[in-house]
Protein backbone atom coordinates (compact mmCIF):
# COMPACT_ATOMS: atom_id res chain seq x y z
CA UNK A 1 0.00 0.00 0.00
CA UNK A 2 1.20 3.47 -0.84
CA UNK A 3 1.69 6.25 1.67
CA UNK A 4 -0.72 9.23 1.58
CA UNK A 5 1.94 11.39 -0.09
CA UNK A 6 2.65 8.75 -2.74
CA UNK A 7 -1.08 8.52 -3.50
CA UNK A 8 -1.23 12.30 -4.01
CA UNK A 9 1.87 12.19 -6.20
CA UNK A 10 0.33 9.55 -8.47
CA UNK A 11 -2.79 11.68 -9.00
CA UNK A 12 -0.76 14.83 -9.56
CA UNK A 13 1.55 13.19 -12.10
CA UNK A 14 -1.37 11.72 -14.05
CA UNK A 15 -3.10 15.12 -14.11
CA UNK A 16 -0.13 16.49 -16.06
CA UNK A 17 -1.24 14.31 -19.00
CA UNK A 18 -4.32 16.55 -19.33
CA UNK A 19 -2.12 19.59 -19.96
CA UNK A 20 -1.28 19.99 -23.64
CA UNK A 21 1.44 22.02 -25.32
CA UNK A 22 0.59 25.73 -25.50
CA UNK A 23 -2.27 25.57 -22.98
CA UNK A 24 -3.11 28.28 -20.48
CA UNK A 25 -4.52 26.58 -17.40
CA UNK A 26 -5.85 27.46 -13.99
CA UNK A 27 -3.57 26.06 -11.32
CA UNK A 28 -5.00 25.31 -7.89
CA UNK A 29 -3.56 25.24 -4.42
CA UNK A 30 -2.73 22.35 -2.11
CA UNK A 31 -0.60 19.29 -1.49
CA UNK A 32 -1.83 17.25 -4.46
CA UNK A 33 -1.44 20.18 -6.86
CA UNK A 34 2.15 20.49 -5.58
CA UNK A 35 2.96 17.21 -7.30
CA UNK A 36 1.27 18.37 -10.51
CA UNK A 37 3.46 21.48 -10.50
CA UNK A 38 6.61 19.40 -10.00
CA UNK A 39 5.66 17.11 -12.89
CA UNK A 40 4.85 20.03 -15.18
CA UNK A 41 8.24 21.49 -14.32
CA UNK A 42 9.94 18.28 -15.53
CA UNK A 43 7.95 18.33 -18.77
CA UNK A 44 8.71 22.00 -19.35
CA UNK A 45 12.41 21.17 -19.14
CA UNK A 46 11.72 18.61 -21.89
CA UNK A 47 10.05 21.20 -24.11
CA UNK A 48 6.44 21.56 -22.94
CA UNK A 49 5.11 25.11 -23.06
CA UNK A 50 2.36 25.99 -20.61
CA UNK A 51 1.09 29.16 -18.94
CA UNK A 52 -0.72 29.10 -15.61
CA UNK A 53 -3.15 31.34 -13.79
CA UNK A 54 -2.43 30.54 -10.12
CA UNK A 55 -5.08 30.55 -7.41
CA UNK A 56 -2.77 31.76 -4.65
CA UNK A 57 0.54 33.45 -4.01
CA UNK A 58 1.88 30.12 -2.79
CA UNK A 59 0.99 28.42 -6.07
CA UNK A 60 2.43 31.30 -8.09
CA UNK A 61 5.74 30.95 -6.27
CA UNK A 62 5.86 27.17 -6.75
CA UNK A 63 4.97 27.51 -10.42
CA UNK A 64 7.70 30.05 -11.09
CA UNK A 65 10.24 27.86 -9.29
CA UNK A 66 9.21 24.97 -11.56
CA UNK A 67 9.68 27.08 -14.69
CA UNK A 68 5.98 27.54 -15.43
CA UNK A 69 5.05 30.87 -16.98
CA UNK A 70 2.59 32.66 -14.69
CA UNK A 71 -0.02 35.17 -15.81
CA UNK A 72 -3.05 36.95 -14.36
CA UNK A 73 -6.63 35.92 -15.04
CA UNK A 74 -7.44 39.37 -16.43
CA UNK A 75 -4.74 38.86 -19.07
CA UNK A 76 -6.50 35.86 -20.68
CA UNK A 77 -9.86 35.51 -22.41
CA UNK A 78 -10.68 32.11 -20.98
CA UNK A 79 -9.11 28.96 -19.61
CA UNK A 80 -9.51 25.63 -21.34
CA UNK A 81 -8.79 23.76 -18.12
CA UNK A 82 -8.33 24.37 -14.40
CA UNK A 83 -6.83 21.75 -12.11
CA UNK A 84 -7.28 21.84 -8.35
CA UNK A 85 -7.67 19.70 -5.26
CA UNK A 86 -10.50 19.40 -2.74
CA UNK A 87 -10.98 18.89 0.98
CA UNK A 88 -14.09 16.78 0.34
CA UNK A 89 -15.85 15.57 -2.81
CA UNK A 90 -19.01 13.52 -3.19
CA UNK A 91 -20.35 11.28 -5.97
CA UNK A 92 -21.94 14.28 -7.76
CA UNK A 93 -18.66 16.17 -7.83
CA UNK A 94 -19.83 18.68 -5.22
CA UNK A 95 -17.00 19.80 -3.00
CA UNK A 96 -15.80 21.60 0.08
CA UNK A 97 -12.65 23.60 -0.62
CA UNK A 98 -10.72 26.30 1.20
CA UNK A 99 -8.69 24.36 3.74
CA UNK A 100 -5.62 26.13 2.39
CA UNK A 101 -7.31 29.52 2.53
CA UNK A 102 -7.45 30.20 -1.24
CA UNK A 103 -11.13 29.46 -1.86
CA UNK A 104 -12.02 32.86 -3.37
CA UNK A 105 -9.46 32.76 -6.16
CA UNK A 106 -9.99 29.02 -6.59
CA UNK A 107 -13.67 29.57 -7.29
CA UNK A 108 -13.07 32.53 -9.62
CA UNK A 109 -10.51 30.55 -11.64
CA UNK A 110 -12.70 27.44 -11.70
CA UNK A 111 -15.63 29.48 -12.99
CA UNK A 112 -13.46 30.94 -15.76
CA UNK A 113 -12.41 27.50 -17.04
CA UNK A 114 -14.22 25.39 -19.62
CA UNK A 115 -13.51 22.33 -17.48
CA UNK A 116 -12.42 21.79 -13.89
CA UNK A 117 -10.33 18.70 -13.14
CA UNK A 118 -10.09 17.74 -9.47
CA UNK A 119 -7.18 15.66 -8.16
CA UNK A 120 -7.57 14.02 -4.75
CA UNK A 121 -6.62 10.96 -2.77
CA UNK A 122 -9.33 8.49 -1.78
CA UNK A 123 -9.60 9.88 1.76
CA UNK A 124 -11.34 12.97 0.35
CA UNK A 125 -14.31 10.95 -0.99
CA UNK A 126 -17.47 11.30 1.12
CA UNK A 127 -21.10 10.25 0.83
CA UNK A 128 -22.34 13.57 2.24
CA UNK A 129 -20.40 16.81 2.55
CA UNK A 130 -19.81 18.35 5.95
CA UNK A 131 -17.35 16.38 8.03
CA UNK A 132 -14.62 18.81 6.95
CA UNK A 133 -15.39 22.26 8.43
CA UNK A 134 -16.82 24.57 5.77
CA UNK A 135 -14.62 27.64 5.17
CA UNK A 136 -16.48 30.91 4.67
CA UNK A 137 -14.44 33.94 3.61
CA UNK A 138 -15.61 37.19 5.20
CA UNK A 139 -14.41 40.77 5.39
CA UNK A 140 -12.80 41.61 8.74
CA UNK A 141 -15.28 44.41 9.50
CA UNK A 142 -18.21 42.94 11.42
CA UNK A 143 -16.97 39.37 11.24
CA UNK A 144 -18.26 38.65 14.76
CA UNK A 145 -21.77 39.58 13.67
CA UNK A 146 -21.43 37.36 10.59
CA UNK A 147 -20.32 34.54 12.86
CA UNK A 148 -23.44 34.99 14.99
CA UNK A 149 -25.68 34.93 11.91
CA UNK A 150 -24.08 31.73 10.64
CA UNK A 151 -24.66 30.08 14.00
CA UNK A 152 -28.29 31.18 14.00
CA UNK A 153 -29.57 31.37 10.41
CA UNK A 154 -27.21 28.85 8.81
CA UNK A 155 -27.42 26.42 11.75
CA UNK A 156 -23.73 25.64 12.17
CA UNK A 157 -22.87 23.77 15.35
CA UNK A 158 -19.76 25.90 15.79
CA UNK A 159 -18.03 28.71 13.90
CA UNK A 160 -14.36 29.41 14.56
CA UNK A 161 -12.24 32.28 13.29
CA UNK A 162 -9.26 30.70 11.57
CA UNK A 163 -5.97 31.71 13.16
CA UNK A 164 -2.29 31.44 12.34
CA UNK A 165 0.46 32.04 14.88
CA UNK A 166 -2.13 33.27 17.38
CA UNK A 167 -3.56 35.91 15.04
CA UNK A 168 -6.42 35.88 12.53
CA UNK A 169 -5.45 34.11 9.31
CA UNK A 170 -5.42 36.65 6.48
CA UNK A 171 -6.25 35.55 2.93
CA UNK A 172 -4.43 36.82 -0.14
CA UNK A 173 -7.17 39.44 -0.47
CA UNK A 174 -7.07 40.64 3.12
CA UNK A 175 -10.09 38.73 4.40
CA UNK A 176 -10.77 36.42 7.34
CA UNK A 177 -12.01 32.83 7.20
CA UNK A 178 -14.68 31.37 9.45
CA UNK A 179 -14.55 27.58 9.70
CA UNK A 180 -18.10 26.30 10.16
CA UNK A 181 -18.84 22.84 11.58
CA UNK A 182 -21.84 20.92 10.25
CA UNK A 183 -20.86 17.22 10.25
CA UNK A 184 -23.52 16.68 7.58
CA UNK A 185 -24.74 19.19 4.97
CA UNK A 186 -28.09 17.89 3.80
CA UNK A 187 -28.81 20.61 1.21
CA UNK A 188 -25.56 22.16 -0.01
CA UNK A 189 -27.13 24.51 -2.62
CA UNK A 190 -29.56 25.91 -0.04
CA UNK A 191 -26.80 26.44 2.52
CA UNK A 192 -24.64 28.11 -0.11
CA UNK A 193 -27.47 30.52 -0.96
CA UNK A 194 -28.19 31.28 2.70
CA UNK A 195 -24.56 32.12 3.39
CA UNK A 196 -24.24 34.31 0.29
CA UNK A 197 -27.21 36.39 1.42
CA UNK A 198 -25.37 37.46 4.58
CA UNK A 199 -23.70 40.88 4.34
CA UNK A 200 -19.99 40.50 4.96
CA UNK A 201 -19.69 37.05 3.38
CA UNK A 202 -17.32 37.18 0.41
CA UNK A 203 -17.41 33.53 -0.69
CA UNK A 204 -18.10 30.03 0.59
CA UNK A 205 -16.08 26.85 0.25
CA UNK A 206 -19.03 25.02 -1.33
CA UNK A 207 -18.19 24.25 -4.97
CA UNK A 208 -21.41 22.97 -6.54
CA UNK A 209 -21.79 21.82 -10.16
CA UNK A 210 -18.29 23.01 -11.01
CA UNK A 211 -16.16 19.86 -11.35
CA UNK A 212 -16.21 18.10 -14.72
CA UNK A 213 -13.76 15.31 -13.88
CA UNK A 214 -11.80 13.89 -10.97
CA UNK A 215 -8.65 11.83 -10.65
CA UNK A 216 -8.80 9.80 -7.44
CA UNK A 217 -5.57 8.29 -6.19
CA UNK A 218 -5.91 5.00 -4.33
CA UNK A 219 -3.77 3.03 -1.90
CA UNK A 220 -3.04 0.26 -4.41
CA UNK A 221 -1.33 2.73 -6.75
CA UNK A 222 -4.18 3.09 -9.23
CA UNK A 223 -5.80 6.39 -10.17
CA UNK A 224 -9.50 6.30 -10.92
CA UNK A 225 -10.91 8.71 -13.50
CA UNK A 226 -14.45 9.94 -12.74
CA UNK A 227 -16.56 12.08 -15.06
CA UNK A 228 -19.35 14.24 -13.62
CA UNK A 229 -20.53 15.78 -16.90
């Protein structure tokens, strides 16, 4: 059986086969995408040409180190493909994302792409979303009031302000993240709509009807390809 990191590496390396010469792609954030970036770097050294729109500063830095040309989303008309990871994904391709704190740009880039390819290890597969705390990106001003509304109107069992080094975690766009515990999200579209109606909420980590395909790395070394549409 492979280690968790080896499983992620297998999925990331296989995802590189979806990237064709001359493509401009959306490039996600996370541990599985790290292995995709490393593999693309190897192929670039062998002659592949690819340009990436990164979803975070961290990804931009890794991409540049690997020799991938980086550009801004506003500099391209559209993306043929975006590749990203997920914190949870169900059989419909609905996801929770944002564990790494880049959910806003991840969703913008995913929405700009013709197709979204998700790369995960098998531990991220769930029957029902919700065991992983749902990240909700909010502006700092009034975030305590937003937290109270999520506890009341959105029925979270707990809502915690994400911290780093004892201080509020700050996203690339200067926002805070509230991690909302549900255990089980029975109606993800309804919850997404409820959260978006709250003043101060910038974006949610619910990615619904966005994934077209998934590569799922398994312990036996295989990578399953799943198509959602």
